Amino acid sequence: MEKPAVASLQAQAEPLAALSISHLSPSTRLKLADDELSVNAYPTDCGGILYVGVPCHRIPTEADLAAIFEVAELAGVVWLKFDSEAAVINGLPIFEMLDPAS
């Protein structure tokens, strides 16, 4: 592999943080699954990937997501990956899953 290609690719790298989908409220989770969030999002089978940007590209209208974007921007994180198996982040709110039978 040519070193210039590696350096060029590294120059394009953007930080991504993986966090538990439990940090999203049930209504925000549903919007993510339905690709209806107020920000750029790419739904997956177990969560989704959201573009934050640095500086923040757009502030979400969803209050729970706006608070997470604020922390992500301060941390220099450009992308957020919400996943059912990712880490719970200390200091962020946690929302219970709704029982689909109720």
N, C-alpha and C. Protein backbone atom coordinates (compact mmCIF):
# COMPACT_ATOMS: atom_id res chain seq x y z
N MET A 1 0.86 -1.18 0.00
CA MET A 1 0.00 0.00 0.00
C MET A 1 0.89 1.24 0.00
N GLU A 2 0.53 2.19 -0.80
CA GLU A 2 1.30 3.42 -0.88
C GLU A 2 1.03 4.29 0.35
N LYS A 3 2.08 4.85 0.92
CA LYS A 3 1.93 5.68 2.11
C LYS A 3 1.12 6.95 1.84
N PRO A 4 1.23 7.59 0.65
CA PRO A 4 0.39 8.77 0.42
C PRO A 4 -1.11 8.45 0.50
N ALA A 5 -1.51 7.26 0.05
CA ALA A 5 -2.92 6.88 0.12
C ALA A 5 -3.36 6.73 1.57
N VAL A 6 -2.52 6.14 2.39
CA VAL A 6 -2.84 5.99 3.82
C VAL A 6 -2.97 7.35 4.48
N ALA A 7 -2.02 8.24 4.22
CA ALA A 7 -2.06 9.58 4.81
C ALA A 7 -3.28 10.36 4.32
N SER A 8 -3.60 10.22 3.05
CA SER A 8 -4.78 10.91 2.51
C SER A 8 -6.06 10.40 3.14
N LEU A 9 -6.14 9.09 3.33
CA LEU A 9 -7.33 8.52 3.96
C LEU A 9 -7.42 8.95 5.41
N GLN A 10 -6.31 8.96 6.12
CA GLN A 10 -6.31 9.41 7.51
C GLN A 10 -6.75 10.87 7.62
N ALA A 11 -6.40 11.69 6.65
CA ALA A 11 -6.79 13.10 6.67
C ALA A 11 -8.30 13.27 6.52
N GLN A 12 -8.96 12.26 5.97
CA GLN A 12 -10.42 12.33 5.78
C GLN A 12 -11.19 11.69 6.94
N ALA A 13 -10.49 11.08 7.88
CA ALA A 13 -11.16 10.39 8.99
C ALA A 13 -11.90 11.36 9.90
N GLU A 14 -13.07 10.94 10.36
CA GLU A 14 -13.88 11.74 11.28
C GLU A 14 -14.25 10.87 12.48
N PRO A 15 -14.17 11.43 13.70
CA PRO A 15 -14.46 10.65 14.90
C PRO A 15 -15.92 10.18 14.97
N LEU A 16 -16.08 8.92 15.34
CA LEU A 16 -17.39 8.32 15.54
C LEU A 16 -17.43 7.75 16.95
N ALA A 17 -18.53 7.97 17.65
CA ALA A 17 -18.72 7.38 18.98
C ALA A 17 -19.95 6.47 18.94
N ALA A 18 -19.81 5.28 19.52
CA ALA A 18 -20.93 4.35 19.62
C ALA A 18 -21.52 4.47 21.02
N LEU A 19 -22.85 4.57 21.07
CA LEU A 19 -23.52 4.67 22.36
C LEU A 19 -24.84 3.92 22.31
N SER A 20 -25.30 3.56 23.48
CA SER A 20 -26.52 2.78 23.60
C SER A 20 -27.73 3.54 23.07
N ILE A 21 -28.60 2.80 22.40
CA ILE A 21 -29.84 3.40 21.91
C ILE A 21 -30.76 3.76 23.08
N SER A 22 -30.45 3.25 24.27
CA SER A 22 -31.26 3.59 25.45
C SER A 22 -31.16 5.08 25.81
N HIS A 23 -30.23 5.79 25.21
CA HIS A 23 -30.12 7.23 25.44
C HIS A 23 -31.14 8.03 24.63
N LEU A 24 -31.89 7.35 23.77
CA LEU A 24 -32.93 8.02 22.99
C LEU A 24 -34.29 7.67 23.58
N SER A 25 -35.17 8.66 23.62
CA SER A 25 -36.53 8.42 24.10
C SER A 25 -37.24 7.48 23.12
N PRO A 26 -38.29 6.82 23.58
CA PRO A 26 -39.02 5.92 22.67
C PRO A 26 -39.50 6.63 21.39
N SER A 27 -39.95 7.88 21.50
CA SER A 27 -40.42 8.58 20.30
C SER A 27 -39.27 8.89 19.34
N THR A 28 -38.09 9.22 19.88
CA THR A 28 -36.93 9.48 19.02
C THR A 28 -36.45 8.19 18.38
N ARG A 29 -36.48 7.08 19.12
CA ARG A 29 -36.11 5.78 18.55
C ARG A 29 -37.00 5.43 17.37
N LEU A 30 -38.29 5.69 17.53
CA LEU A 30 -39.24 5.40 16.45
C LEU A 30 -38.95 6.28 15.24
N LYS A 31 -38.70 7.56 15.47
CA LYS A 31 -38.36 8.46 14.37
C LYS A 31 -37.09 8.01 13.66
N LEU A 32 -36.10 7.54 14.42
CA LEU A 32 -34.86 7.04 13.82
C LEU A 32 -35.16 5.82 12.96
N ALA A 33 -35.92 4.87 13.48
CA ALA A 33 -36.25 3.66 12.74
C ALA A 33 -37.02 3.97 11.46
N ASP A 34 -37.87 5.00 11.52
CA ASP A 34 -38.68 5.39 10.36
C ASP A 34 -37.99 6.42 9.47
N ASP A 35 -36.74 6.76 9.79
CA ASP A 35 -35.96 7.76 9.04
C ASP A 35 -36.70 9.11 8.98
N GLU A 36 -37.21 9.54 10.13
CA GLU A 36 -37.97 10.79 10.22
C GLU A 36 -37.38 11.78 11.21
N LEU A 37 -36.10 11.63 11.56
CA LEU A 37 -35.47 12.59 12.48
C LEU A 37 -35.27 13.93 11.80
N SER A 38 -35.07 14.95 12.61
CA SER A 38 -34.87 16.30 12.10
C SER A 38 -33.43 16.56 11.63
N VAL A 39 -32.56 15.56 11.76
CA VAL A 39 -31.16 15.67 11.35
C VAL A 39 -30.81 14.51 10.44
N ASN A 40 -29.63 14.59 9.82
CA ASN A 40 -29.18 13.52 8.92
C ASN A 40 -28.96 12.24 9.70
N ALA A 41 -29.67 11.18 9.32
CA ALA A 41 -29.58 9.90 10.01
C ALA A 41 -29.66 8.76 9.01
N TYR A 42 -29.01 7.67 9.38
CA TYR A 42 -28.98 6.47 8.56
C TYR A 42 -29.40 5.30 9.45
N PRO A 43 -30.69 4.93 9.43
CA PRO A 43 -31.18 3.86 10.29
C PRO A 43 -30.50 2.53 9.97
N THR A 44 -30.33 1.72 11.02
CA THR A 44 -29.83 0.36 10.88
C THR A 44 -30.82 -0.57 11.58
N ASP A 45 -30.56 -1.87 11.50
CA ASP A 45 -31.47 -2.84 12.14
C ASP A 45 -31.52 -2.70 13.65
N CYS A 46 -30.45 -2.19 14.27
CA CYS A 46 -30.42 -2.11 15.73
C CYS A 46 -30.12 -0.71 16.24
N GLY A 47 -30.40 0.32 15.43
CA GLY A 47 -30.15 1.70 15.84
C GLY A 47 -30.00 2.60 14.63
N GLY A 48 -28.85 3.26 14.55
CA GLY A 48 -28.61 4.12 13.41
C GLY A 48 -27.36 4.96 13.59
N ILE A 49 -26.95 5.58 12.51
CA ILE A 49 -25.78 6.46 12.50
C ILE A 49 -26.27 7.87 12.18
N LEU A 50 -25.85 8.83 13.00
CA LEU A 50 -26.29 10.21 12.85
C LEU A 50 -25.10 11.13 12.64
N TYR A 51 -25.28 12.12 11.77
CA TYR A 51 -24.23 13.09 11.51
C TYR A 51 -24.40 14.28 12.44
N VAL A 52 -23.36 14.56 13.22
CA VAL A 52 -23.35 15.72 14.11
C VAL A 52 -22.65 16.89 13.42
N GLY A 53 -21.42 16.63 12.96
CA GLY A 53 -20.59 17.68 12.38
C GLY A 53 -19.85 18.44 13.47
N VAL A 54 -18.75 19.06 13.10
CA VAL A 54 -18.02 19.93 14.02
C VAL A 54 -17.58 21.14 13.21
N PRO A 55 -18.18 22.30 13.44
CA PRO A 55 -19.23 22.53 14.44
C PRO A 55 -20.52 21.81 14.05
N CYS A 56 -21.42 21.76 14.99
CA CYS A 56 -22.68 21.05 14.79
C CYS A 56 -23.36 21.54 13.51
N HIS A 57 -23.69 20.59 12.63
CA HIS A 57 -24.31 20.91 11.35
C HIS A 57 -25.72 21.45 11.52
N ARG A 58 -26.50 20.80 12.39
CA ARG A 58 -27.88 21.21 12.62
C ARG A 58 -28.28 20.75 14.02
N ILE A 59 -29.00 21.58 14.74
CA ILE A 59 -29.47 21.21 16.08
C ILE A 59 -30.79 20.45 15.93
N PRO A 60 -30.87 19.24 16.48
CA PRO A 60 -32.10 18.46 16.38
C PRO A 60 -33.26 19.13 17.08
N THR A 61 -34.46 18.92 16.56
CA THR A 61 -35.66 19.41 17.25
C THR A 61 -36.07 18.48 18.37
N GLU A 62 -35.59 17.24 18.35
CA GLU A 62 -35.85 16.28 19.41
C GLU A 62 -34.96 16.64 20.60
N ALA A 63 -35.57 16.98 21.75
CA ALA A 63 -34.84 17.49 22.91
C ALA A 63 -33.78 16.51 23.41
N ASP A 64 -34.10 15.22 23.48
CA ASP A 64 -33.13 14.24 23.96
C ASP A 64 -31.92 14.17 23.03
N LEU A 65 -32.16 14.22 21.75
CA LEU A 65 -31.09 14.16 20.77
C LEU A 65 -30.28 15.46 20.76
N ALA A 66 -30.92 16.59 20.95
CA ALA A 66 -30.22 17.87 20.99
C ALA A 66 -29.21 17.90 22.15
N ALA A 67 -29.59 17.34 23.29
CA ALA A 67 -28.66 17.29 24.44
C ALA A 67 -27.46 16.41 24.13
N ILE A 68 -27.69 15.30 23.44
CA ILE A 68 -26.59 14.40 23.07
C ILE A 68 -25.68 15.08 22.04
N PHE A 69 -26.26 15.78 21.08
CA PHE A 69 -25.46 16.49 20.07
C PHE A 69 -24.58 17.54 20.73
N GLU A 70 -25.09 18.21 21.75
CA GLU A 70 -24.30 19.23 22.45
C GLU A 70 -23.06 18.60 23.08
N VAL A 71 -23.23 17.46 23.73
CA VAL A 71 -22.10 16.75 24.34
C VAL A 71 -21.14 16.25 23.26
N ALA A 72 -21.69 15.70 22.18
CA ALA A 72 -20.86 15.18 21.09
C ALA A 72 -20.02 16.29 20.48
N GLU A 73 -20.61 17.45 20.28
CA GLU A 73 -19.87 18.57 19.70
C GLU A 73 -18.72 19.00 20.62
N LEU A 74 -18.99 19.07 21.92
CA LEU A 74 -17.94 19.42 22.88
C LEU A 74 -16.81 18.39 22.88
N ALA A 75 -17.16 17.13 22.62
CA ALA A 75 -16.17 16.05 22.60
C ALA A 75 -15.46 15.93 21.25
N GLY A 76 -15.89 16.71 20.26
CA GLY A 76 -15.27 16.63 18.94
C GLY A 76 -15.72 15.43 18.13
N VAL A 77 -16.85 14.85 18.49
CA VAL A 77 -17.39 13.68 17.78
C VAL A 77 -18.23 14.17 16.60
N VAL A 78 -17.95 13.62 15.41
CA VAL A 78 -18.63 14.03 14.19
C VAL A 78 -19.82 13.12 13.87
N TRP A 79 -19.70 11.85 14.22
CA TRP A 79 -20.75 10.86 13.94
C TRP A 79 -21.13 10.14 15.23
N LEU A 80 -22.41 9.83 15.38
CA LEU A 80 -22.90 9.04 16.50
C LEU A 80 -23.51 7.76 15.96
N LYS A 81 -23.11 6.64 16.55
CA LYS A 81 -23.70 5.36 16.18
C LYS A 81 -24.51 4.87 17.37
N PHE A 82 -25.83 4.89 17.23
CA PHE A 82 -26.70 4.36 18.28
C PHE A 82 -26.92 2.89 17.99
N ASP A 83 -26.69 2.06 19.02
CA ASP A 83 -26.77 0.62 18.84
C ASP A 83 -27.28 -0.01 20.12
N SER A 84 -28.07 -1.05 19.98
CA SER A 84 -28.64 -1.71 21.15
C SER A 84 -27.58 -2.40 22.01
N GLU A 85 -26.41 -2.68 21.45
CA GLU A 85 -25.36 -3.35 22.20
C GLU A 85 -24.19 -2.44 22.55
N ALA A 86 -24.29 -1.16 22.26
CA ALA A 86 -23.20 -0.22 22.54
C ALA A 86 -23.24 0.21 24.01
N ALA A 87 -22.20 0.89 24.41
CA ALA A 87 -22.03 1.30 25.81
C ALA A 87 -23.04 2.37 26.22
N VAL A 88 -23.42 2.28 27.49
CA VAL A 88 -24.21 3.34 28.11
C VAL A 88 -23.19 4.41 28.54
N ILE A 89 -23.46 5.65 28.21
CA ILE A 89 -22.53 6.74 28.49
C ILE A 89 -22.91 7.41 29.80
N ASN A 90 -21.99 7.41 30.74
CA ASN A 90 -22.20 8.02 32.04
C ASN A 90 -22.53 9.51 31.87
N GLY A 91 -23.59 9.95 32.52
CA GLY A 91 -23.97 11.35 32.49
C GLY A 91 -25.07 11.67 31.48
N LEU A 92 -25.38 10.74 30.58
CA LEU A 92 -26.49 10.95 29.64
C LEU A 92 -27.73 10.25 30.18
N PRO A 93 -28.91 10.84 29.95
CA PRO A 93 -30.15 10.21 30.41
C PRO A 93 -30.36 8.85 29.73
N ILE A 94 -31.08 7.98 30.42
CA ILE A 94 -31.43 6.67 29.89
C ILE A 94 -32.96 6.58 29.90
N PHE A 95 -33.50 6.11 28.79
CA PHE A 95 -34.95 5.95 28.65
C PHE A 95 -35.27 4.46 28.55
N GLU A 96 -36.32 4.06 29.23
CA GLU A 96 -36.76 2.67 29.20
C GLU A 96 -37.38 2.36 27.84
N MET A 97 -37.25 1.10 27.45
CA MET A 97 -37.92 0.63 26.23
C MET A 97 -39.39 0.48 26.54
N LEU A 98 -40.23 0.85 25.60
CA LEU A 98 -41.67 0.62 25.77
C LEU A 98 -41.99 -0.82 25.43
N ASP A 99 -42.90 -1.40 26.17
CA ASP A 99 -43.35 -2.76 25.90
C ASP A 99 -44.29 -2.71 24.71
N PRO A 100 -43.96 -3.39 23.58
CA PRO A 100 -44.80 -3.34 22.40
C PRO A 100 -46.20 -3.88 22.65
N ALA A 101 -46.36 -4.72 23.68
CA ALA A 101 -47.68 -5.29 23.98
C ALA A 101 -48.60 -4.30 24.68
N SER A 102 -48.00 -3.20 25.22
CA SER A 102 -48.86 -2.25 25.96
C SER A 102 -49.42 -1.17 25.11
